[in-house]
Amino acid sequence: FWFVKELTEAGHNIIAPLSGSFQTGKMMRDQRVKQLESLCKVVPNCPFGSQAFSDLLLATNDIDAYCHHGAQTENYKSLDFDEVAALAANTRNIRQMCQALVSAKCKHIILTGTVFEKDEGNTPHPTTAATNYGLSKTLTAISWTHFAEEHGISLVRFVIPNPFGPFEEPRFTSYLVKTWAAGKTATVNTPDYIRDNIPVSLLAKHYASIVQHADEKNICDDTRPSFFVETQGAFAQRFANEMKTRLNLACDLKLKTQTQFSEPLKRVNNETLDPSEYKWNEAGFWDELADYYRQYVIDQKNSDLS
């Protein structure tokens, strides 16, 4: 949603194929899709690799860039996540799709990656994938690189760390706000992990610039945007400090002693973004995020209670 928003505001015409229907029954996802309709052409029931997807490419016929952002992510932190099935979905009929992209005059592919892939995470030596999901994205990147080169299409990998912001699926920050809104102390179970939390609106502005630069230069390097690199305990405290005055909540935290380290201690990117380069204001982001939580978490909670 945020990538489309920034690309549209930058003057690009976007076509957004959905893997399923407009309505899924998942509140946040449906909210995002609803807002997408005012920003671009949304095509339902058009998953990557399908005949409908190929037909859409050929009907469009003049594509500057294809942004391959969709991927299998359900239960992405589970040990049961099926990396082989995810790879199959992420690359379904990839040779035929690349042929269709060539026919549609596509010059660039922007492939979303994750900091949890093999050899990512800004570590001093090569690493294995941090999770099964990270492994699926590693294999996906290898496949896309191969087929893009085979078909003469330039490919840029856009490696994402931990984005947070409005319209996010329920995760760590929404847990914090829901807990505080209930008058309770929020617990941070993994305060020692060093992670790279990046505001989604800033991430999206950088994404739009990468797409634009790829089109202007005909080639662009892979990118690994970064922002708040710190322990999860420090980030939780940062988040609490920003929300406390804006939401008029106590925002109390308890940092537990971390004993489980099923993921690498540190996983971050290495290109710290300069907000001034994108005319992005951090205070404005926190204001927007607080307004979002006030509407979708706090007011919703009060409505449920009444």
C-alpha atoms as a PDB file:
ATOM      1  CA  PHE A   1       0.000   0.000   0.000  1.00  0.00           C
ATOM      2  CA  TRP A   2       2.706   2.485   0.975  1.00  0.00           C
ATOM      3  CA  PHE A   3       4.850   1.685  -2.053  1.00  0.00           C
ATOM      4  CA  VAL A   4       1.891   2.264  -4.388  1.00  0.00           C
ATOM      5  CA  LYS A   5       0.994   5.480  -2.567  1.00  0.00           C
ATOM      6  CA  GLU A   6       4.469   6.960  -2.988  1.00  0.00           C
ATOM      7  CA  LEU A   7       4.859   5.796  -6.592  1.00  0.00           C
ATOM      8  CA  THR A   8       1.480   7.298  -7.502  1.00  0.00           C
ATOM      9  CA  GLU A   9       2.300  10.593  -5.813  1.00  0.00           C
ATOM     10  CA  ALA A  10       5.579  10.625  -7.764  1.00  0.00           C
ATOM     11  CA  GLY A  11       3.570  10.548 -10.997  1.00  0.00           C
ATOM     12  CA  HIS A  12       3.724   6.863 -11.927  1.00  0.00           C
ATOM     13  CA  ASN A  13       0.733   4.916 -13.231  1.00  0.00           C
ATOM     14  CA  ILE A  14       0.386   1.715 -11.223  1.00  0.00           C
ATOM     15  CA  ILE A  15      -1.451  -1.515 -11.917  1.00  0.00           C
ATOM     16  CA  ALA A  16      -1.826  -3.676  -8.800  1.00  0.00           C
ATOM     17  CA  PRO A  17      -2.844  -7.305  -9.399  1.00  0.00           C
ATOM     18  CA  LEU A  18      -4.190  -9.051  -6.305  1.00  0.00           C
ATOM     19  CA  SER A  19      -3.725 -12.735  -5.653  1.00  0.00           C
ATOM     20  CA  GLY A  20      -7.319 -12.939  -4.404  1.00  0.00           C
ATOM     21  CA  SER A  21     -10.484 -10.881  -4.153  1.00  0.00           C
ATOM     22  CA  PHE A  22     -10.978  -7.332  -2.896  1.00  0.00           C
ATOM     23  CA  GLN A  23     -12.396  -8.515   0.428  1.00  0.00           C
ATOM     24  CA  THR A  24     -10.555 -11.047   2.572  1.00  0.00           C
ATOM     25  CA  GLY A  25     -12.180 -10.583   5.976  1.00  0.00           C
ATOM     26  CA  LYS A  26      -8.846  -9.388   7.425  1.00  0.00           C
ATOM     27  CA  MET A  27      -9.425  -5.831   8.627  1.00  0.00           C
ATOM     28  CA  MET A  28      -6.022  -4.277   7.949  1.00  0.00           C
ATOM     29  CA  ARG A  29      -5.578  -5.920   4.566  1.00  0.00           C
ATOM     30  CA  ASP A  30      -9.067  -4.909   3.461  1.00  0.00           C
ATOM     31  CA  GLN A  31      -8.419  -1.335   4.607  1.00  0.00           C
ATOM     32  CA  ARG A  32      -5.268  -1.210   2.505  1.00  0.00           C
ATOM     33  CA  VAL A  33      -6.995  -2.631  -0.583  1.00  0.00           C
ATOM     34  CA  LYS A  34      -9.880  -0.188  -0.162  1.00  0.00           C
ATOM     35  CA  GLN A  35      -7.465   2.742  -0.219  1.00  0.00           C
ATOM     36  CA  LEU A  36      -5.533   1.278  -3.152  1.00  0.00           C
ATOM     37  CA  GLU A  37      -8.616   1.631  -5.344  1.00  0.00           C
ATOM     38  CA  SER A  38      -8.328   5.426  -5.211  1.00  0.00           C
ATOM     39  CA  LEU A  39      -4.616   5.340  -6.072  1.00  0.00           C
ATOM     40  CA  CYS A  40      -4.286   2.909  -8.958  1.00  0.00           C
ATOM     41  CA  LYS A  41      -5.893   0.239 -11.094  1.00  0.00           C
ATOM     42  CA  VAL A  42      -6.507  -2.797  -8.874  1.00  0.00           C
ATOM     43  CA  VAL A  43      -7.035  -6.171 -10.572  1.00  0.00           C
ATOM     44  CA  PRO A  44      -8.483  -8.906  -8.319  1.00  0.00           C
ATOM     45  CA  ASN A  45      -7.918 -12.651  -8.680  1.00  0.00           C
ATOM     46  CA  CYS A  46      -4.751 -12.218 -10.723  1.00  0.00           C
ATOM     47  CA  PRO A  47      -1.981 -14.114  -8.904  1.00  0.00           C
ATOM     48  CA  PHE A  48       1.556 -14.140 -10.229  1.00  0.00           C
ATOM     49  CA  GLY A  49       2.189 -17.008 -12.627  1.00  0.00           C
ATOM     50  CA  SER A  50      -1.434 -17.389 -13.687  1.00  0.00           C
ATOM     51  CA  GLN A  51      -2.850 -16.996 -17.184  1.00  0.00           C
ATOM     52  CA  ALA A  52      -4.733 -13.941 -15.940  1.00  0.00           C
ATOM     53  CA  PHE A  53      -1.425 -12.370 -14.865  1.00  0.00           C
ATOM     54  CA  SER A  54       0.211 -13.093 -18.217  1.00  0.00           C
ATOM     55  CA  ASP A  55      -2.812 -11.703 -20.066  1.00  0.00           C
ATOM     56  CA  LEU A  56      -2.661  -8.535 -17.941  1.00  0.00           C
ATOM     57  CA  LEU A  57       1.006  -7.986 -18.826  1.00  0.00           C
ATOM     58  CA  LEU A  58       0.379  -8.450 -22.531  1.00  0.00           C
ATOM     59  CA  ALA A  59      -2.698  -6.211 -22.477  1.00  0.00           C
ATOM     60  CA  THR A  60      -0.762  -3.435 -20.740  1.00  0.00           C
ATOM     61  CA  ASN A  61       1.980  -3.676 -23.382  1.00  0.00           C
ATOM     62  CA  ASP A  62       4.166  -0.791 -22.172  1.00  0.00           C
ATOM     63  CA  ILE A  63       5.640  -1.505 -18.730  1.00  0.00           C
ATOM     64  CA  ASP A  64       8.669   0.433 -17.515  1.00  0.00           C
ATOM     65  CA  ALA A  65       9.148  -1.586 -14.327  1.00  0.00           C
ATOM     66  CA  TYR A  66       7.682  -4.666 -12.703  1.00  0.00           C
ATOM     67  CA  CYS A  67       7.727  -4.581  -8.885  1.00  0.00           C
ATOM     68  CA  HIS A  68       7.698  -8.159  -7.578  1.00  0.00           C
ATOM     69  CA  HIS A  69       6.679  -7.535  -3.991  1.00  0.00           C
ATOM     70  CA  GLY A  70       4.173 -10.289  -3.275  1.00  0.00           C
ATOM     71  CA  ALA A  71       5.440 -13.453  -1.576  1.00  0.00           C
ATOM     72  CA  GLN A  72       4.243 -16.294   0.615  1.00  0.00           C
ATOM     73  CA  THR A  73       4.422 -14.929   4.172  1.00  0.00           C
ATOM     74  CA  GLU A  74       1.721 -16.684   6.180  1.00  0.00           C
ATOM     75  CA  ASN A  75       3.201 -17.991   9.450  1.00  0.00           C
ATOM     76  CA  TYR A  76       6.557 -16.690   8.272  1.00  0.00           C
ATOM     77  CA  LYS A  77       8.168 -17.100  11.705  1.00  0.00           C
ATOM     78  CA  SER A  78       7.044 -20.698  12.170  1.00  0.00           C
ATOM     79  CA  LEU A  79       9.494 -23.590  12.032  1.00  0.00           C
ATOM     80  CA  ASP A  80       6.838 -25.299   9.898  1.00  0.00           C
ATOM     81  CA  PHE A  81       6.977 -22.614   7.207  1.00  0.00           C
ATOM     82  CA  ASP A  82       7.370 -24.497   3.914  1.00  0.00           C
ATOM     83  CA  GLU A  83      10.194 -22.746   2.083  1.00  0.00           C
ATOM     84  CA  VAL A  84       9.904 -25.000  -0.982  1.00  0.00           C
ATOM     85  CA  ALA A  85       6.186 -24.332  -1.415  1.00  0.00           C
ATOM     86  CA  ALA A  86       6.835 -20.615  -0.911  1.00  0.00           C
ATOM     87  CA  LEU A  87       9.541 -20.660  -3.580  1.00  0.00           C
ATOM     88  CA  ALA A  88       7.167 -22.416  -5.976  1.00  0.00           C
ATOM     89  CA  ALA A  89       4.495 -19.739  -5.420  1.00  0.00           C
ATOM     90  CA  ASN A  90       6.962 -16.847  -5.660  1.00  0.00           C
ATOM     91  CA  THR A  91       8.331 -18.131  -8.988  1.00  0.00           C
ATOM     92  CA  ARG A  92       5.333 -19.885 -10.519  1.00  0.00           C
ATOM     93  CA  ASN A  93       5.760 -20.139 -14.309  1.00  0.00           C
ATOM     94  CA  ILE A  94       8.597 -17.612 -14.018  1.00  0.00           C
ATOM     95  CA  ARG A  95      10.069 -18.235 -17.484  1.00  0.00           C
ATOM     96  CA  GLN A  96       6.694 -17.650 -19.150  1.00  0.00           C
ATOM     97  CA  MET A  97       6.119 -14.558 -16.994  1.00  0.00           C
ATOM     98  CA  CYS A  98       9.514 -13.144 -17.989  1.00  0.00           C
ATOM     99  CA  GLN A  99       8.671 -13.790 -21.632  1.00  0.00           C
ATOM    100  CA  ALA A 100       5.422 -11.870 -21.124  1.00  0.00           C
ATOM    101  CA  LEU A 101       7.363  -9.032 -19.445  1.00  0.00           C
ATOM    102  CA  VAL A 102       9.684  -8.837 -22.438  1.00  0.00           C
ATOM    103  CA  SER A 103       6.685  -8.745 -24.774  1.00  0.00           C
ATOM    104  CA  ALA A 104       5.257  -5.936 -22.633  1.00  0.00           C
ATOM    105  CA  LYS A 105       8.521  -3.979 -23.130  1.00  0.00           C
ATOM    106  CA  CYS A 106       9.435  -4.185 -19.442  1.00  0.00           C
ATOM    107  CA  LYS A 107      12.943  -2.857 -18.780  1.00  0.00           C
ATOM    108  CA  HIS A 108      13.346  -3.327 -15.018  1.00  0.00           C
ATOM    109  CA  ILE A 109      12.379  -5.686 -12.210  1.00  0.00           C
ATOM    110  CA  ILE A 110      12.394  -4.444  -8.610  1.00  0.00           C
ATOM    111  CA  LEU A 111      12.517  -7.518  -6.383  1.00  0.00           C
ATOM    112  CA  THR A 112      11.676  -7.246  -2.701  1.00  0.00           C
ATOM    113  CA  GLY A 113      14.128  -9.053  -0.427  1.00  0.00           C
ATOM    114  CA  THR A 114      14.430  -9.442   3.325  1.00  0.00           C
ATOM    115  CA  VAL A 115      17.210  -8.846   5.821  1.00  0.00           C
ATOM    116  CA  PHE A 116      16.686 -12.459   6.959  1.00  0.00           C
ATOM    117  CA  GLU A 117      18.001 -13.943   3.684  1.00  0.00           C
ATOM    118  CA  LYS A 118      21.330 -15.747   3.399  1.00  0.00           C
ATOM    119  CA  ASP A 119      24.284 -13.337   3.342  1.00  0.00           C
ATOM    120  CA  GLU A 120      22.099 -10.398   4.402  1.00  0.00           C
ATOM    121  CA  GLY A 121      21.971  -8.673   7.763  1.00  0.00           C
ATOM    122  CA  ASN A 122      25.223  -6.655   7.662  1.00  0.00           C
ATOM    123  CA  THR A 123      27.340  -9.318   9.332  1.00  0.00           C
ATOM    124  CA  PRO A 124      31.145  -9.522   8.915  1.00  0.00           C
ATOM    125  CA  HIS A 125      31.031 -12.977   7.345  1.00  0.00           C
ATOM    126  CA  PRO A 126      28.604 -14.965   5.142  1.00  0.00           C
ATOM    127  CA  THR A 127      25.577 -16.202   7.004  1.00  0.00           C
ATOM    128  CA  THR A 128      22.871 -18.739   6.500  1.00  0.00           C
ATOM    129  CA  ALA A 129      19.258 -17.656   6.172  1.00  0.00           C
ATOM    130  CA  ALA A 130      17.873 -16.656   9.567  1.00  0.00           C
ATOM    131  CA  THR A 131      14.524 -18.428   9.104  1.00  0.00           C
ATOM    132  CA  ASN A 132      12.740 -20.775   6.708  1.00  0.00           C
ATOM    133  CA  TYR A 133      11.033 -17.686   5.317  1.00  0.00           C
ATOM    134  CA  GLY A 134      14.453 -16.090   4.801  1.00  0.00           C
ATOM    135  CA  LEU A 135      15.546 -19.234   2.976  1.00  0.00           C
ATOM    136  CA  SER A 136      12.501 -19.059   0.684  1.00  0.00           C
ATOM    137  CA  LYS A 137      13.356 -15.444  -0.174  1.00  0.00           C
ATOM    138  CA  THR A 138      17.007 -16.387  -0.788  1.00  0.00           C
ATOM    139  CA  LEU A 139      15.958 -19.072  -3.270  1.00  0.00           C
ATOM    140  CA  THR A 140      13.436 -16.675  -4.801  1.00  0.00           C
ATOM    141  CA  ALA A 141      16.149 -14.065  -5.371  1.00  0.00           C
ATOM    142  CA  ILE A 142      18.472 -16.620  -6.986  1.00  0.00           C
ATOM    143  CA  SER A 143      15.701 -17.721  -9.342  1.00  0.00           C
ATOM    144  CA  TRP A 144      14.650 -14.204 -10.300  1.00  0.00           C
ATOM    145  CA  THR A 145      18.244 -13.114 -10.893  1.00  0.00           C
ATOM    146  CA  HIS A 146      18.761 -16.083 -13.202  1.00  0.00           C
ATOM    147  CA  PHE A 147      15.622 -15.572 -15.281  1.00  0.00           C
ATOM    148  CA  ALA A 148      15.925 -11.784 -15.445  1.00  0.00           C
ATOM    149  CA  GLU A 149      19.442 -12.154 -16.836  1.00  0.00           C
ATOM    150  CA  GLU A 150      18.264 -14.833 -19.253  1.00  0.00           C
ATOM    151  CA  HIS A 151      15.658 -12.429 -20.648  1.00  0.00           C
ATOM    152  CA  GLY A 152      17.814  -9.300 -20.637  1.00  0.00           C
ATOM    153  CA  ILE A 153      15.847  -7.423 -17.961  1.00  0.00           C
ATOM    154  CA  SER A 154      17.758  -5.456 -15.319  1.00  0.00           C
ATOM    155  CA  LEU A 155      16.994  -6.510 -11.749  1.00  0.00           C
ATOM    156  CA  VAL A 156      17.347  -4.551  -8.503  1.00  0.00           C
ATOM    157  CA  ARG A 157      16.934  -6.166  -5.090  1.00  0.00           C
ATOM    158  CA  PHE A 158      15.244  -3.958  -2.500  1.00  0.00           C
ATOM    159  CA  VAL A 159      16.134  -5.545   0.849  1.00  0.00           C
ATOM    160  CA  ILE A 160      13.705  -4.702   3.649  1.00  0.00           C
ATOM    161  CA  PRO A 161      14.502  -4.805   7.390  1.00  0.00           C
ATOM    162  CA  ASN A 162      11.636  -4.347   9.947  1.00  0.00           C
ATOM    163  CA  PRO A 163       9.138  -1.747   8.664  1.00  0.00           C
ATOM    164  CA  PHE A 164       6.500  -0.341  11.006  1.00  0.00           C
ATOM    165  CA  GLY A 165       3.734   2.210  10.622  1.00  0.00           C
ATOM    166  CA  PRO A 166       0.051   2.771   9.808  1.00  0.00           C
ATOM    167  CA  PHE A 167      -1.959  -0.113   8.314  1.00  0.00           C
ATOM    168  CA  GLU A 168       0.568  -2.736   9.372  1.00  0.00           C
ATOM    169  CA  GLU A 169      -0.593  -6.263  10.081  1.00  0.00           C
ATOM    170  CA  PRO A 170      -0.935  -6.778  13.879  1.00  0.00           C
ATOM    171  CA  ARG A 171       2.616  -7.180  15.153  1.00  0.00           C
ATOM    172  CA  PHE A 172       4.929  -5.834  17.843  1.00  0.00           C
ATOM    173  CA  THR A 173       3.982  -2.143  17.837  1.00  0.00           C
ATOM    174  CA  SER A 174       0.238  -2.821  17.697  1.00  0.00           C
ATOM    175  CA  TYR A 175       0.665  -5.246  20.612  1.00  0.00           C
ATOM    176  CA  LEU A 176       2.333  -2.463  22.586  1.00  0.00           C
ATOM    177  CA  VAL A 177      -0.466   0.026  21.938  1.00  0.00           C
ATOM    178  CA  LYS A 178      -3.253  -2.488  22.602  1.00  0.00           C
ATOM    179  CA  THR A 179      -1.621  -3.421  25.904  1.00  0.00           C
ATOM    180  CA  TRP A 180      -1.184   0.208  26.970  1.00  0.00           C
ATOM    181  CA  ALA A 181      -4.731   1.085  25.900  1.00  0.00           C
ATOM    182  CA  ALA A 182      -5.921  -1.655  28.279  1.00  0.00           C
ATOM    183  CA  GLY A 183      -4.015   0.026  31.111  1.00  0.00           C
ATOM    184  CA  LYS A 184      -1.425  -2.750  31.338  1.00  0.00           C
ATOM    185  CA  THR A 185       2.360  -2.984  31.180  1.00  0.00           C
ATOM    186  CA  ALA A 186       3.711  -4.298  27.878  1.00  0.00           C
ATOM    187  CA  THR A 187       6.326  -7.044  28.008  1.00  0.00           C
ATOM    188  CA  VAL A 188       9.300  -7.263  25.633  1.00  0.00           C
ATOM    189  CA  ASN A 189      10.370 -10.916  25.486  1.00  0.00           C
ATOM    190  CA  THR A 190      13.398 -10.472  23.208  1.00  0.00           C
ATOM    191  CA  PRO A 191      14.952  -7.140  24.263  1.00  0.00           C
ATOM    192  CA  ASP A 192      18.509  -8.170  23.289  1.00  0.00           C
ATOM    193  CA  TYR A 193      17.917  -8.744  19.582  1.00  0.00           C
ATOM    194  CA  ILE A 194      19.488  -5.957  17.518  1.00  0.00           C
ATOM    195  CA  ARG A 195      17.110  -5.090  14.722  1.00  0.00           C
ATOM    196  CA  ASP A 196      16.612  -2.416  12.086  1.00  0.00           C
ATOM    197  CA  ASN A 197      13.186  -0.804  12.503  1.00  0.00           C
ATOM    198  CA  ILE A 198      12.301   1.602   9.717  1.00  0.00           C
ATOM    199  CA  PRO A 199       9.252   3.894   9.383  1.00  0.00           C
ATOM    200  CA  VAL A 200       7.208   2.596   6.485  1.00  0.00           C
ATOM    201  CA  SER A 201       6.541   6.020   4.938  1.00  0.00           C
ATOM    202  CA  LEU A 202      10.292   6.735   4.717  1.00  0.00           C
ATOM    203  CA  LEU A 203      10.928   3.241   3.351  1.00  0.00           C
ATOM    204  CA  ALA A 204       8.289   3.845   0.672  1.00  0.00           C
ATOM    205  CA  LYS A 205       9.837   7.156  -0.367  1.00  0.00           C
ATOM    206  CA  HIS A 206      13.169   5.395  -0.830  1.00  0.00           C
ATOM    207  CA  TYR A 207      11.431   2.640  -2.812  1.00  0.00           C
ATOM    208  CA  ALA A 208       9.877   5.198  -5.160  1.00  0.00           C
ATOM    209  CA  SER A 209      13.286   6.796  -5.696  1.00  0.00           C
ATOM    210  CA  ILE A 210      14.841   3.419  -6.559  1.00  0.00           C
ATOM    211  CA  VAL A 211      12.156   2.758  -9.171  1.00  0.00           C
ATOM    212  CA  GLN A 212      12.661   6.240 -10.607  1.00  0.00           C
ATOM    213  CA  HIS A 213      16.449   5.930 -10.685  1.00  0.00           C
ATOM    214  CA  ALA A 214      16.267   2.524 -12.354  1.00  0.00           C
ATOM    215  CA  ASP A 215      14.218   4.057 -15.138  1.00  0.00           C
ATOM    216  CA  GLU A 216      16.545   7.061 -15.498  1.00  0.00           C
ATOM    217  CA  LYS A 217      19.882   5.231 -15.334  1.00  0.00           C
ATOM    218  CA  ASN A 218      18.793   1.989 -17.003  1.00  0.00           C
ATOM    219  CA  ILE A 219      20.575   0.188 -14.146  1.00  0.00           C
ATOM    220  CA  CYS A 220      20.574   0.557 -10.379  1.00  0.00           C
ATOM    221  CA  ASP A 221      22.434  -1.184  -7.559  1.00  0.00           C
ATOM    222  CA  ASP A 222      20.750  -3.366  -4.946  1.00  0.00           C
ATOM    223  CA  THR A 223      19.729  -1.339  -1.921  1.00  0.00           C
ATOM    224  CA  ARG A 224      19.552  -2.065   1.819  1.00  0.00           C
ATOM    225  CA  PRO A 225      17.807   0.873   3.536  1.00  0.00           C
ATOM    226  CA  SER A 226      18.256   1.303   7.286  1.00  0.00           C
ATOM    227  CA  PHE A 227      17.082   3.628  10.068  1.00  0.00           C
ATOM    228  CA  PHE A 228      16.655   2.725  13.776  1.00  0.00           C
ATOM    229  CA  VAL A 229      19.432   0.183  14.451  1.00  0.00           C
ATOM    230  CA  GLU A 230      19.213  -0.757  18.134  1.00  0.00           C
ATOM    231  CA  THR A 231      18.099  -3.494  20.497  1.00  0.00           C
ATOM    232  CA  GLN A 232      14.419  -4.317  20.548  1.00  0.00           C
ATOM    233  CA  GLY A 233      14.392  -3.156  24.158  1.00  0.00           C
ATOM    234  CA  ALA A 234      15.737   0.261  23.136  1.00  0.00           C
ATOM    235  CA  PHE A 235      13.308   0.472  20.225  1.00  0.00           C
ATOM    236  CA  ALA A 236      10.369  -0.390  22.489  1.00  0.00           C
ATOM    237  CA  GLN A 237      11.434   2.413  24.828  1.00  0.00           C
ATOM    238  CA  ARG A 238      11.776   4.810  21.885  1.00  0.00           C
ATOM    239  CA  PHE A 239       8.293   3.843  20.725  1.00  0.00           C
ATOM    240  CA  ALA A 240       6.882   4.267  24.244  1.00  0.00           C
ATOM    241  CA  ASN A 241       8.416   7.737  24.591  1.00  0.00           C
ATOM    242  CA  GLU A 242       6.887   8.868  21.290  1.00  0.00           C
ATOM    243  CA  MET A 243       3.422   7.448  22.027  1.00  0.00           C
ATOM    244  CA  LYS A 244       3.194   8.515  25.693  1.00  0.00           C
ATOM    245  CA  THR A 245       2.442  12.187  25.145  1.00  0.00           C
ATOM    246  CA  ARG A 246       0.645  11.744  21.852  1.00  0.00           C
ATOM    247  CA  LEU A 247      -1.803   9.123  23.165  1.00  0.00           C
ATOM    248  CA  ASN A 248      -1.887  10.279  26.797  1.00  0.00           C
ATOM    249  CA  LEU A 249      -1.135   6.763  28.017  1.00  0.00           C
ATOM    250  CA  ALA A 250       1.349   5.527  30.619  1.00  0.00           C
ATOM    251  CA  CYS A 251       3.114   3.306  28.053  1.00  0.00           C
ATOM    252  CA  ASP A 252       4.849   1.199  30.707  1.00  0.00           C
ATOM    253  CA  LEU A 253       7.342  -1.469  29.649  1.00  0.00           C
ATOM    254  CA  LYS A 254       8.882  -4.550  31.193  1.00  0.00           C
ATOM    255  CA  LEU A 255      12.016  -5.892  29.532  1.00  0.00           C
ATOM    256  CA  LYS A 256      12.390  -9.592  30.289  1.00  0.00           C
ATOM    257  CA  THR A 257      15.723 -11.343  30.585  1.00  0.00           C
ATOM    258  CA  GLN A 258      16.140 -12.960  27.179  1.00  0.00           C
ATOM    259  CA  THR A 259      17.080 -16.620  27.315  1.00  0.00           C
ATOM    260  CA  GLN A 260      15.943 -17.871  23.894  1.00  0.00           C
ATOM    261  CA  PHE A 261      17.903 -16.915  20.768  1.00  0.00           C
ATOM    262  CA  SER A 262      16.256 -18.862  17.954  1.00  0.00           C
ATOM    263  CA  GLU A 263      17.162 -16.044  15.531  1.00  0.00           C
ATOM    264  CA  PRO A 264      20.525 -14.310  15.005  1.00  0.00           C
ATOM    265  CA  LEU A 265      21.389 -11.720  17.642  1.00  0.00           C
ATOM    266  CA  LYS A 266      21.871  -9.004  15.024  1.00  0.00           C
ATOM    267  CA  ARG A 267      20.135  -8.598  11.669  1.00  0.00           C
ATOM    268  CA  VAL A 268      20.231  -5.110  10.149  1.00  0.00           C
ATOM    269  CA  ASN A 269      20.774  -3.224   6.893  1.00  0.00           C
ATOM    270  CA  ASN A 270      23.657  -0.860   6.183  1.00  0.00           C
ATOM    271  CA  GLU A 271      22.352   2.163   4.236  1.00  0.00           C
ATOM    272  CA  THR A 272      21.055   4.713   6.757  1.00  0.00           C
ATOM    273  CA  LEU A 273      18.497   6.901   4.999  1.00  0.00           C
ATOM    274  CA  ASP A 274      18.742  10.690   5.188  1.00  0.00           C
ATOM    275  CA  PRO A 275      15.232  12.059   5.895  1.00  0.00           C
ATOM    276  CA  SER A 276      16.074  15.449   4.356  1.00  0.00           C
ATOM    277  CA  GLU A 277      16.775  13.754   1.028  1.00  0.00           C
ATOM    278  CA  TYR A 278      13.133  12.696   0.901  1.00  0.00           C
ATOM    279  CA  LYS A 279      11.582  15.721   2.659  1.00  0.00           C
ATOM    280  CA  TRP A 280      10.440  13.305   5.354  1.00  0.00           C
ATOM    281  CA  ASN A 281       9.754  14.551   8.879  1.00  0.00           C
ATOM    282  CA  GLU A 282      10.181  12.133  11.777  1.00  0.00           C
ATOM    283  CA  ALA A 283       7.927  14.050  14.191  1.00  0.00           C
ATOM    284  CA  GLY A 284       5.218  14.100  11.543  1.00  0.00           C
ATOM    285  CA  PHE A 285       5.538  10.332  11.149  1.00  0.00           C
ATOM    286  CA  TRP A 286       5.054   9.765  14.891  1.00  0.00           C
ATOM    287  CA  ASP A 287       2.032  12.119  14.830  1.00  0.00           C
ATOM    288  CA  GLU A 288       0.505  10.175  11.946  1.00  0.00           C
ATOM    289  CA  LEU A 289       1.184   6.849  13.632  1.00  0.00           C
ATOM    290  CA  ALA A 290      -0.410   8.012  16.892  1.00  0.00           C
ATOM    291  CA  ASP A 291      -3.478   9.224  14.990  1.00  0.00           C
ATOM    292  CA  TYR A 292      -3.693   5.860  13.276  1.00  0.00           C
ATOM    293  CA  TYR A 293      -3.548   3.925  16.553  1.00  0.00           C
ATOM    294  CA  ARG A 294      -6.052   6.290  18.110  1.00  0.00           C
ATOM    295  CA  GLN A 295      -8.518   5.509  15.303  1.00  0.00           C
ATOM    296  CA  TYR A 296      -7.926   1.798  14.754  1.00  0.00           C
ATOM    297  CA  VAL A 297      -6.923   0.585  18.208  1.00  0.00           C
ATOM    298  CA  ILE A 298      -8.010   2.920  20.991  1.00  0.00           C
ATOM    299  CA  ASP A 299     -11.298   4.234  19.557  1.00  0.00           C
ATOM    300  CA  GLN A 300     -12.146   0.719  18.328  1.00  0.00           C
ATOM    301  CA  LYS A 301     -11.493  -0.677  21.810  1.00  0.00           C
ATOM    302  CA  ASN A 302     -13.711   1.969  23.408  1.00  0.00           C
ATOM    303  CA  SER A 303     -16.432   1.252  20.848  1.00  0.00           C
ATOM    304  CA  ASP A 304     -16.283  -2.456  21.648  1.00  0.00           C
ATOM    305  CA  LEU A 305     -16.567  -1.743  25.371  1.00  0.00           C
ATOM    306  CA  SER A 306     -19.613   0.462  24.885  1.00  0.00           C
END
